[in-house]
Amino acid sequence: MQTTLAECLRQAQARGLARVDAQILLLHSLQRPLHDRAWLLAHDCDTLTPEQAAAWQDALKRRLQGEPVAYITGCKDFFGLTLAVDARVLDPRPDTETLVEWALACLPESEPETRSPRILDLGTGSGAVALALQHARPDTAVWAVDASEDALAVARTNAARLQLGVQFITSNWLNAVDVQHTGRFDLIVSNPPYVAEGDPHLAALKHEPLQALSSGPDGLDDIRQIIAQAPACLAPGGWLLLEHGWDQADAVQALLREAGLVQVQSRRDLGGIERCTAASMPK
């Protein structure tokens, strides 16, 4: 017996799948635009072909096993851009848009006869943050860093498809960044790994690259390295912005002050949690 679209969605929700996830995966299985959820409502009595039904069952199984929707569909929307995403990179989170919004607020305006503002995105992954900044501020010069060649391959593909001129560097944080070549940066931004080793939440993230999630016993190893290296790469008055865990704002603020940075402050994400912390170089 053929199954209707409405029955597919009911079955998915009965098995614990969020309605929006079920809708996106059903659209993907039907090879429809993923934003077209209204189409599903208008066609809820339509039935699936055998090929569509097989694709739907495969997508449903993968999601119920914890695989992110973005990996199943191969794409994710972030700050108005549609990015190619797969298991080589972290699934971009909506809360990271807080980091982008704050970064844009910290950037100086371009002025005639002066250089373009320089931005560095550390641990770029899919390129989400770097590409969002370049798209929003085409007058800036943006570099994106990752230690993973696999991740940079994804980011470069996204940059080419979106026709955004981000430049890429293979580096473990700032180790291979040559400021004599790039110049000092007006903004360094990063969504680094910040989950503590052994955190029980890691089990639910088993499909995503561990090196992009976990960072030492307290989750702060990579943030410590970035904060230690950043002052040598920041222009006077330049900003360092970091995303971090829900309970790490105080610790990150202390590390920034110890590094000699000023105007130390944190900002809350969509859920009201202090998710990002920033500081600037003295002028």
C-alpha atoms as a PDB file:
ATOM      1  CA  MET A   1       0.000   0.000   0.000  1.00  0.00           C
ATOM      2  CA  GLN A   2       1.289   3.440  -0.905  1.00  0.00           C
ATOM      3  CA  THR A   3       1.977   5.917   1.879  1.00  0.00           C
ATOM      4  CA  THR A   4       0.807   9.541   1.815  1.00  0.00           C
ATOM      5  CA  LEU A   5       2.955  12.492   2.782  1.00  0.00           C
ATOM      6  CA  ALA A   6       0.757  13.128   5.827  1.00  0.00           C
ATOM      7  CA  GLU A   7       1.238   9.535   6.986  1.00  0.00           C
ATOM      8  CA  CYS A   8       5.017   9.840   6.596  1.00  0.00           C
ATOM      9  CA  LEU A   9       5.080  12.873   8.850  1.00  0.00           C
ATOM     10  CA  ARG A  10       2.815  11.230  11.447  1.00  0.00           C
ATOM     11  CA  GLN A  11       4.999   8.126  11.524  1.00  0.00           C
ATOM     12  CA  ALA A  12       8.167  10.201  11.943  1.00  0.00           C
ATOM     13  CA  GLN A  13       6.733  12.207  14.823  1.00  0.00           C
ATOM     14  CA  ALA A  14       5.448   9.020  16.482  1.00  0.00           C
ATOM     15  CA  ARG A  15       9.050   7.764  16.432  1.00  0.00           C
ATOM     16  CA  GLY A  16      10.265  10.928  18.165  1.00  0.00           C
ATOM     17  CA  LEU A  17      11.429  13.025  15.208  1.00  0.00           C
ATOM     18  CA  ALA A  18      10.886  16.790  15.431  1.00  0.00           C
ATOM     19  CA  ARG A  19       8.232  17.964  12.970  1.00  0.00           C
ATOM     20  CA  VAL A  20      10.524  20.416  11.191  1.00  0.00           C
ATOM     21  CA  ASP A  21      13.221  17.733  10.779  1.00  0.00           C
ATOM     22  CA  ALA A  22      10.656  15.328   9.347  1.00  0.00           C
ATOM     23  CA  GLN A  23       9.378  17.949   6.910  1.00  0.00           C
ATOM     24  CA  ILE A  24      12.876  18.815   5.660  1.00  0.00           C
ATOM     25  CA  LEU A  25      13.842  15.166   5.241  1.00  0.00           C
ATOM     26  CA  LEU A  26      10.602  14.386   3.430  1.00  0.00           C
ATOM     27  CA  LEU A  27      11.166  17.282   1.042  1.00  0.00           C
ATOM     28  CA  HIS A  28      14.719  16.036   0.497  1.00  0.00           C
ATOM     29  CA  SER A  29      13.417  12.547  -0.272  1.00  0.00           C
ATOM     30  CA  LEU A  30      10.961  14.027  -2.762  1.00  0.00           C
ATOM     31  CA  GLN A  31      13.749  16.153  -4.300  1.00  0.00           C
ATOM     32  CA  ARG A  32      11.748  19.283  -3.506  1.00  0.00           C
ATOM     33  CA  PRO A  33      13.222  22.616  -2.283  1.00  0.00           C
ATOM     34  CA  LEU A  34      13.886  22.255   1.444  1.00  0.00           C
ATOM     35  CA  HIS A  35      12.150  25.550   2.272  1.00  0.00           C
ATOM     36  CA  ASP A  36       8.891  24.482   0.646  1.00  0.00           C
ATOM     37  CA  ARG A  37       7.118  23.170   3.753  1.00  0.00           C
ATOM     38  CA  ALA A  38       3.883  24.861   2.665  1.00  0.00           C
ATOM     39  CA  TRP A  39       3.936  22.571  -0.384  1.00  0.00           C
ATOM     40  CA  LEU A  40       3.740  19.553   1.930  1.00  0.00           C
ATOM     41  CA  LEU A  41       0.551  20.887   3.518  1.00  0.00           C
ATOM     42  CA  ALA A  42      -1.042  21.444   0.123  1.00  0.00           C
ATOM     43  CA  HIS A  43      -0.083  17.946  -1.059  1.00  0.00           C
ATOM     44  CA  ASP A  44      -0.514  15.928   2.146  1.00  0.00           C
ATOM     45  CA  CYS A  45      -2.651  13.315   0.344  1.00  0.00           C
ATOM     46  CA  ASP A  46      -0.043  12.702  -2.365  1.00  0.00           C
ATOM     47  CA  THR A  47       1.627   9.282  -2.252  1.00  0.00           C
ATOM     48  CA  LEU A  48       5.295   8.390  -2.544  1.00  0.00           C
ATOM     49  CA  THR A  49       6.743   6.442  -5.447  1.00  0.00           C
ATOM     50  CA  PRO A  50       8.779   3.355  -4.492  1.00  0.00           C
ATOM     51  CA  GLU A  51      11.998   5.330  -5.089  1.00  0.00           C
ATOM     52  CA  GLN A  52      10.802   8.210  -2.917  1.00  0.00           C
ATOM     53  CA  ALA A  53       9.670   5.818  -0.201  1.00  0.00           C
ATOM     54  CA  ALA A  54      13.098   4.145  -0.138  1.00  0.00           C
ATOM     55  CA  ALA A  55      14.843   7.531   0.078  1.00  0.00           C
ATOM     56  CA  TRP A  56      12.498   8.603   2.877  1.00  0.00           C
ATOM     57  CA  GLN A  57      13.090   5.423   4.918  1.00  0.00           C
ATOM     58  CA  ASP A  58      16.861   5.827   4.525  1.00  0.00           C
ATOM     59  CA  ALA A  59      16.745   9.487   5.627  1.00  0.00           C
ATOM     60  CA  LEU A  60      14.460   8.654   8.545  1.00  0.00           C
ATOM     61  CA  LYS A  61      16.743   5.846   9.727  1.00  0.00           C
ATOM     62  CA  ARG A  62      19.834   8.049   9.560  1.00  0.00           C
ATOM     63  CA  ARG A  63      18.179  10.853  11.509  1.00  0.00           C
ATOM     64  CA  LEU A  64      16.842   8.504  14.186  1.00  0.00           C
ATOM     65  CA  GLN A  65      20.418   7.237  14.625  1.00  0.00           C
ATOM     66  CA  GLY A  66      21.467  10.792  15.454  1.00  0.00           C
ATOM     67  CA  GLU A  67      22.943  11.953  12.160  1.00  0.00           C
ATOM     68  CA  PRO A  68      22.400  15.716  11.679  1.00  0.00           C
ATOM     69  CA  VAL A  69      19.780  16.749   9.136  1.00  0.00           C
ATOM     70  CA  ALA A  70      22.434  18.844   7.384  1.00  0.00           C
ATOM     71  CA  TYR A  71      24.575  15.769   6.682  1.00  0.00           C
ATOM     72  CA  ILE A  72      21.607  13.878   5.255  1.00  0.00           C
ATOM     73  CA  THR A  73      20.491  16.721   2.972  1.00  0.00           C
ATOM     74  CA  GLY A  74      24.053  17.921   2.288  1.00  0.00           C
ATOM     75  CA  CYS A  75      23.309  21.563   3.048  1.00  0.00           C
ATOM     76  CA  LYS A  76      22.557  24.032   5.839  1.00  0.00           C
ATOM     77  CA  ASP A  77      21.331  27.622   5.850  1.00  0.00           C
ATOM     78  CA  PHE A  78      23.477  30.018   7.884  1.00  0.00           C
ATOM     79  CA  PHE A  79      23.123  33.810   8.054  1.00  0.00           C
ATOM     80  CA  GLY A  80      21.234  33.912   4.767  1.00  0.00           C
ATOM     81  CA  LEU A  81      23.645  31.627   2.896  1.00  0.00           C
ATOM     82  CA  THR A  82      23.077  28.007   1.879  1.00  0.00           C
ATOM     83  CA  LEU A  83      26.233  26.032   2.630  1.00  0.00           C
ATOM     84  CA  ALA A  84      27.291  22.567   1.532  1.00  0.00           C
ATOM     85  CA  VAL A  85      27.862  20.535   4.699  1.00  0.00           C
ATOM     86  CA  ASP A  86      29.004  16.971   5.332  1.00  0.00           C
ATOM     87  CA  ALA A  87      30.664  14.864   8.006  1.00  0.00           C
ATOM     88  CA  ARG A  88      34.068  16.502   7.385  1.00  0.00           C
ATOM     89  CA  VAL A  89      32.858  19.659   9.153  1.00  0.00           C
ATOM     90  CA  LEU A  90      30.743  20.705  12.114  1.00  0.00           C
ATOM     91  CA  ASP A  91      27.037  21.265  11.461  1.00  0.00           C
ATOM     92  CA  PRO A  92      26.674  25.098  11.741  1.00  0.00           C
ATOM     93  CA  ARG A  93      24.423  26.108  14.659  1.00  0.00           C
ATOM     94  CA  PRO A  94      21.966  29.031  14.651  1.00  0.00           C
ATOM     95  CA  ASP A  95      23.535  30.312  17.900  1.00  0.00           C
ATOM     96  CA  THR A  96      26.780  30.984  16.011  1.00  0.00           C
ATOM     97  CA  GLU A  97      24.930  33.716  14.105  1.00  0.00           C
ATOM     98  CA  THR A  98      25.288  35.693  17.366  1.00  0.00           C
ATOM     99  CA  LEU A  99      29.045  35.632  16.770  1.00  0.00           C
ATOM    100  CA  VAL A 100      28.611  36.938  13.215  1.00  0.00           C
ATOM    101  CA  GLU A 101      26.254  39.739  14.260  1.00  0.00           C
ATOM    102  CA  TRP A 102      28.649  40.885  16.976  1.00  0.00           C
ATOM    103  CA  ALA A 103      31.623  40.666  14.622  1.00  0.00           C
ATOM    104  CA  LEU A 104      29.878  42.927  12.110  1.00  0.00           C
ATOM    105  CA  ALA A 105      29.167  45.445  14.872  1.00  0.00           C
ATOM    106  CA  CYS A 106      32.864  45.497  15.839  1.00  0.00           C
ATOM    107  CA  LEU A 107      34.186  46.071  12.318  1.00  0.00           C
ATOM    108  CA  PRO A 108      35.322  49.581  11.405  1.00  0.00           C
ATOM    109  CA  GLU A 109      33.747  51.205   8.384  1.00  0.00           C
ATOM    110  CA  SER A 110      35.847  51.397   5.246  1.00  0.00           C
ATOM    111  CA  GLU A 111      37.040  54.861   4.359  1.00  0.00           C
ATOM    112  CA  PRO A 112      38.310  56.158   1.014  1.00  0.00           C
ATOM    113  CA  GLU A 113      42.085  55.982   0.619  1.00  0.00           C
ATOM    114  CA  THR A 114      42.467  53.569   3.570  1.00  0.00           C
ATOM    115  CA  ARG A 115      43.037  49.821   3.555  1.00  0.00           C
ATOM    116  CA  SER A 116      40.157  47.382   3.755  1.00  0.00           C
ATOM    117  CA  PRO A 117      39.383  46.015   7.239  1.00  0.00           C
ATOM    118  CA  ARG A 118      41.052  42.629   7.734  1.00  0.00           C
ATOM    119  CA  ILE A 119      39.236  39.640   9.248  1.00  0.00           C
ATOM    120  CA  LEU A 120      40.584  36.242  10.313  1.00  0.00           C
ATOM    121  CA  ASP A 121      38.273  33.284  11.045  1.00  0.00           C
ATOM    122  CA  LEU A 122      39.987  30.541  13.044  1.00  0.00           C
ATOM    123  CA  GLY A 123      38.727  26.962  12.728  1.00  0.00           C
ATOM    124  CA  THR A 124      36.519  27.832   9.783  1.00  0.00           C
ATOM    125  CA  GLY A 125      35.069  24.347   9.138  1.00  0.00           C
ATOM    126  CA  SER A 126      32.451  24.726   6.398  1.00  0.00           C
ATOM    127  CA  GLY A 127      33.447  28.395   6.092  1.00  0.00           C
ATOM    128  CA  ALA A 128      30.155  29.521   7.659  1.00  0.00           C
ATOM    129  CA  VAL A 129      31.446  32.475   9.694  1.00  0.00           C
ATOM    130  CA  ALA A 130      34.056  33.685   7.194  1.00  0.00           C
ATOM    131  CA  LEU A 131      31.643  33.514   4.262  1.00  0.00           C
ATOM    132  CA  ALA A 132      28.848  35.221   6.192  1.00  0.00           C
ATOM    133  CA  LEU A 133      31.195  38.087   7.088  1.00  0.00           C
ATOM    134  CA  GLN A 134      32.543  38.398   3.547  1.00  0.00           C
ATOM    135  CA  HIS A 135      28.994  38.398   2.159  1.00  0.00           C
ATOM    136  CA  ALA A 136      27.777  41.015   4.625  1.00  0.00           C
ATOM    137  CA  ARG A 137      30.896  43.204   4.258  1.00  0.00           C
ATOM    138  CA  PRO A 138      32.254  42.781   0.706  1.00  0.00           C
ATOM    139  CA  ASP A 139      34.642  45.685   1.382  1.00  0.00           C
ATOM    140  CA  THR A 140      36.652  43.563   3.845  1.00  0.00           C
ATOM    141  CA  ALA A 141      39.578  41.199   3.292  1.00  0.00           C
ATOM    142  CA  VAL A 142      38.784  37.849   4.914  1.00  0.00           C
ATOM    143  CA  TRP A 143      41.125  34.954   5.657  1.00  0.00           C
ATOM    144  CA  ALA A 144      39.908  31.608   6.993  1.00  0.00           C
ATOM    145  CA  VAL A 145      42.075  29.086   8.858  1.00  0.00           C
ATOM    146  CA  ASP A 146      41.657  25.398   9.591  1.00  0.00           C
ATOM    147  CA  ALA A 147      44.085  22.628  10.502  1.00  0.00           C
ATOM    148  CA  SER A 148      41.976  20.112   8.569  1.00  0.00           C
ATOM    149  CA  GLU A 149      42.508  19.886   4.811  1.00  0.00           C
ATOM    150  CA  ASP A 150      39.180  18.040   4.608  1.00  0.00           C
ATOM    151  CA  ALA A 151      37.391  20.951   6.239  1.00  0.00           C
ATOM    152  CA  LEU A 152      39.146  23.468   3.988  1.00  0.00           C
ATOM    153  CA  ALA A 153      38.024  21.491   0.926  1.00  0.00           C
ATOM    154  CA  VAL A 154      34.408  21.970   2.038  1.00  0.00           C
ATOM    155  CA  ALA A 155      34.965  25.666   2.784  1.00  0.00           C
ATOM    156  CA  ARG A 156      36.668  26.301  -0.558  1.00  0.00           C
ATOM    157  CA  THR A 157      33.785  24.614  -2.374  1.00  0.00           C
ATOM    158  CA  ASN A 158      31.315  26.857  -0.582  1.00  0.00           C
ATOM    159  CA  ALA A 159      33.356  29.972  -1.318  1.00  0.00           C
ATOM    160  CA  ALA A 160      33.608  29.114  -5.011  1.00  0.00           C
ATOM    161  CA  ARG A 161      29.891  28.359  -5.365  1.00  0.00           C
ATOM    162  CA  LEU A 162      28.912  31.558  -3.533  1.00  0.00           C
ATOM    163  CA  GLN A 163      31.559  33.557  -5.422  1.00  0.00           C
ATOM    164  CA  LEU A 164      33.005  34.998  -2.223  1.00  0.00           C
ATOM    165  CA  GLY A 165      36.697  35.841  -2.215  1.00  0.00           C
ATOM    166  CA  VAL A 166      37.739  34.434   1.145  1.00  0.00           C
ATOM    167  CA  GLN A 167      41.406  33.388   1.296  1.00  0.00           C
ATOM    168  CA  PHE A 168      42.289  30.111   3.039  1.00  0.00           C
ATOM    169  CA  ILE A 169      45.258  29.088   5.197  1.00  0.00           C
ATOM    170  CA  THR A 170      46.110  25.622   6.508  1.00  0.00           C
ATOM    171  CA  SER A 171      47.176  26.207  10.096  1.00  0.00           C
ATOM    172  CA  ASN A 172      46.757  24.959  13.643  1.00  0.00           C
ATOM    173  CA  TRP A 173      45.177  28.149  14.950  1.00  0.00           C
ATOM    174  CA  LEU A 174      47.655  31.016  14.377  1.00  0.00           C
ATOM    175  CA  ASN A 175      50.821  28.928  14.057  1.00  0.00           C
ATOM    176  CA  ALA A 176      51.143  29.350  10.268  1.00  0.00           C
ATOM    177  CA  VAL A 177      49.534  32.796   9.937  1.00  0.00           C
ATOM    178  CA  ASP A 178      52.166  35.240   8.674  1.00  0.00           C
ATOM    179  CA  VAL A 179      51.131  38.784   9.582  1.00  0.00           C
ATOM    180  CA  GLN A 180      54.045  40.152   7.548  1.00  0.00           C
ATOM    181  CA  HIS A 181      52.122  38.842   4.539  1.00  0.00           C
ATOM    182  CA  THR A 182      48.516  39.441   5.643  1.00  0.00           C
ATOM    183  CA  GLY A 183      48.993  42.457   7.904  1.00  0.00           C
ATOM    184  CA  ARG A 184      47.552  42.619  11.389  1.00  0.00           C
ATOM    185  CA  PHE A 185      43.847  41.953  11.725  1.00  0.00           C
ATOM    186  CA  ASP A 186      41.076  44.298  12.776  1.00  0.00           C
ATOM    187  CA  LEU A 187      39.012  41.298  13.813  1.00  0.00           C
ATOM    188  CA  ILE A 188      39.847  37.725  14.758  1.00  0.00           C
ATOM    189  CA  VAL A 189      36.792  35.537  15.238  1.00  0.00           C
ATOM    190  CA  SER A 190      36.514  31.884  16.189  1.00  0.00           C
ATOM    191  CA  ASN A 191      34.024  29.184  17.060  1.00  0.00           C
ATOM    192  CA  PRO A 192      36.629  26.740  18.397  1.00  0.00           C
ATOM    193  CA  PRO A 193      36.156  23.367  20.101  1.00  0.00           C
ATOM    194  CA  TYR A 194      35.033  24.018  23.682  1.00  0.00           C
ATOM    195  CA  VAL A 195      33.392  20.840  25.020  1.00  0.00           C
ATOM    196  CA  ALA A 196      35.228  19.141  27.881  1.00  0.00           C
ATOM    197  CA  GLU A 197      36.647  15.670  27.288  1.00  0.00           C
ATOM    198  CA  GLY A 198      34.256  13.107  28.712  1.00  0.00           C
ATOM    199  CA  ASP A 199      31.261  15.435  28.568  1.00  0.00           C
ATOM    200  CA  PRO A 200      28.170  13.186  28.283  1.00  0.00           C
ATOM    201  CA  HIS A 201      26.744  15.421  25.531  1.00  0.00           C
ATOM    202  CA  LEU A 202      29.491  14.218  23.151  1.00  0.00           C
ATOM    203  CA  ALA A 203      27.726  10.878  22.770  1.00  0.00           C
ATOM    204  CA  ALA A 204      24.823  12.605  20.999  1.00  0.00           C
ATOM    205  CA  LEU A 205      27.302  14.286  18.619  1.00  0.00           C
ATOM    206  CA  LYS A 206      29.053  11.087  17.481  1.00  0.00           C
ATOM    207  CA  HIS A 207      28.452  11.829  13.790  1.00  0.00           C
ATOM    208  CA  GLU A 208      30.348  15.141  13.909  1.00  0.00           C
ATOM    209  CA  PRO A 209      34.167  15.466  13.899  1.00  0.00           C
ATOM    210  CA  LEU A 210      35.409  15.143  17.492  1.00  0.00           C
ATOM    211  CA  GLN A 211      38.367  17.455  16.872  1.00  0.00           C
ATOM    212  CA  ALA A 212      35.882  20.271  16.137  1.00  0.00           C
ATOM    213  CA  LEU A 213      34.040  19.714  19.423  1.00  0.00           C
ATOM    214  CA  SER A 214      36.266  18.640  22.298  1.00  0.00           C
ATOM    215  CA  SER A 215      39.194  20.549  23.809  1.00  0.00           C
ATOM    216  CA  GLY A 216      40.916  19.188  26.884  1.00  0.00           C
ATOM    217  CA  PRO A 217      39.716  18.379  30.401  1.00  0.00           C
ATOM    218  CA  ASP A 218      37.849  21.691  30.866  1.00  0.00           C
ATOM    219  CA  GLY A 219      37.092  22.411  27.204  1.00  0.00           C
ATOM    220  CA  LEU A 220      39.348  25.476  27.151  1.00  0.00           C
ATOM    221  CA  ASP A 221      42.629  24.175  25.710  1.00  0.00           C
ATOM    222  CA  ASP A 222      42.097  25.618  22.221  1.00  0.00           C
ATOM    223  CA  ILE A 223      40.669  28.894  23.551  1.00  0.00           C
ATOM    224  CA  ARG A 224      43.791  29.289  25.714  1.00  0.00           C
ATOM    225  CA  GLN A 225      46.020  28.829  22.666  1.00  0.00           C
ATOM    226  CA  ILE A 226      44.032  31.306  20.563  1.00  0.00           C
ATOM    227  CA  ILE A 227      44.081  33.957  23.299  1.00  0.00           C
ATOM    228  CA  ALA A 228      47.824  33.476  23.834  1.00  0.00           C
ATOM    229  CA  GLN A 229      48.568  33.895  20.107  1.00  0.00           C
ATOM    230  CA  ALA A 230      46.036  36.539  19.087  1.00  0.00           C
ATOM    231  CA  PRO A 231      47.638  39.724  20.485  1.00  0.00           C
ATOM    232  CA  ALA A 232      50.627  39.351  18.129  1.00  0.00           C
ATOM    233  CA  CYS A 233      48.221  39.286  15.163  1.00  0.00           C
ATOM    234  CA  LEU A 234      45.733  42.001  16.128  1.00  0.00           C
ATOM    235  CA  ALA A 235      45.952  45.599  15.001  1.00  0.00           C
ATOM    236  CA  PRO A 236      45.747  48.277  17.724  1.00  0.00           C
ATOM    237  CA  GLY A 237      42.074  48.517  18.651  1.00  0.00           C
ATOM    238  CA  GLY A 238      41.349  45.201  16.882  1.00  0.00           C
ATOM    239  CA  TRP A 239      38.873  42.756  18.376  1.00  0.00           C
ATOM    240  CA  LEU A 240      39.044  39.068  19.303  1.00  0.00           C
ATOM    241  CA  LEU A 241      35.623  37.359  19.440  1.00  0.00           C
ATOM    242  CA  LEU A 242      35.181  33.809  20.716  1.00  0.00           C
ATOM    243  CA  GLU A 243      32.221  31.472  20.940  1.00  0.00           C
ATOM    244  CA  HIS A 244      32.342  29.179  23.995  1.00  0.00           C
ATOM    245  CA  GLY A 245      30.315  26.893  26.241  1.00  0.00           C
ATOM    246  CA  TRP A 246      27.298  27.910  28.306  1.00  0.00           C
ATOM    247  CA  ASP A 247      29.313  28.066  31.571  1.00  0.00           C
ATOM    248  CA  GLN A 248      32.676  29.358  30.283  1.00  0.00           C
ATOM    249  CA  ALA A 249      32.147  33.131  29.978  1.00  0.00           C
ATOM    250  CA  ASP A 250      33.854  33.994  33.288  1.00  0.00           C
ATOM    251  CA  ALA A 251      36.858  31.794  32.535  1.00  0.00           C
ATOM    252  CA  VAL A 252      37.258  33.204  29.017  1.00  0.00           C
ATOM    253  CA  GLN A 253      36.968  36.772  30.318  1.00  0.00           C
ATOM    254  CA  ALA A 254      39.736  36.058  32.834  1.00  0.00           C
ATOM    255  CA  LEU A 255      42.003  34.621  30.121  1.00  0.00           C
ATOM    256  CA  LEU A 256      41.471  37.685  27.922  1.00  0.00           C
ATOM    257  CA  ARG A 257      42.363  40.063  30.762  1.00  0.00           C
ATOM    258  CA  GLU A 258      45.462  38.027  31.605  1.00  0.00           C
ATOM    259  CA  ALA A 259      46.553  38.395  27.966  1.00  0.00           C
ATOM    260  CA  GLY A 260      46.415  42.197  28.289  1.00  0.00           C
ATOM    261  CA  LEU A 261      43.267  42.738  26.232  1.00  0.00           C
ATOM    262  CA  VAL A 262      40.730  45.391  27.196  1.00  0.00           C
ATOM    263  CA  GLN A 263      36.987  46.095  26.877  1.00  0.00           C
ATOM    264  CA  VAL A 264      36.305  42.514  27.922  1.00  0.00           C
ATOM    265  CA  GLN A 265      32.602  41.608  27.608  1.00  0.00           C
ATOM    266  CA  SER A 266      30.198  38.761  26.815  1.00  0.00           C
ATOM    267  CA  ARG A 267      27.041  38.495  24.756  1.00  0.00           C
ATOM    268  CA  ARG A 268      24.030  36.172  25.033  1.00  0.00           C
ATOM    269  CA  ASP A 269      22.781  33.822  22.306  1.00  0.00           C
ATOM    270  CA  LEU A 270      19.217  33.182  21.129  1.00  0.00           C
ATOM    271  CA  GLY A 271      18.528  31.153  24.272  1.00  0.00           C
ATOM    272  CA  GLY A 272      19.761  33.869  26.642  1.00  0.00           C
ATOM    273  CA  ILE A 273      23.039  32.076  27.445  1.00  0.00           C
ATOM    274  CA  GLU A 274      26.355  33.958  27.530  1.00  0.00           C
ATOM    275  CA  ARG A 275      27.704  32.290  24.397  1.00  0.00           C
ATOM    276  CA  CYS A 276      30.354  34.710  23.059  1.00  0.00           C
ATOM    277  CA  THR A 277      33.074  36.749  24.740  1.00  0.00           C
ATOM    278  CA  ALA A 278      35.197  39.487  23.183  1.00  0.00           C
ATOM    279  CA  ALA A 279      38.026  41.881  23.963  1.00  0.00           C
ATOM    280  CA  SER A 280      40.136  44.383  22.065  1.00  0.00           C
ATOM    281  CA  MET A 281      43.786  45.263  21.763  1.00  0.00           C
ATOM    282  CA  PRO A 282      44.796  48.494  23.479  1.00  0.00           C
ATOM    283  CA  LYS A 283      45.173  51.332  20.983  1.00  0.00           C
END
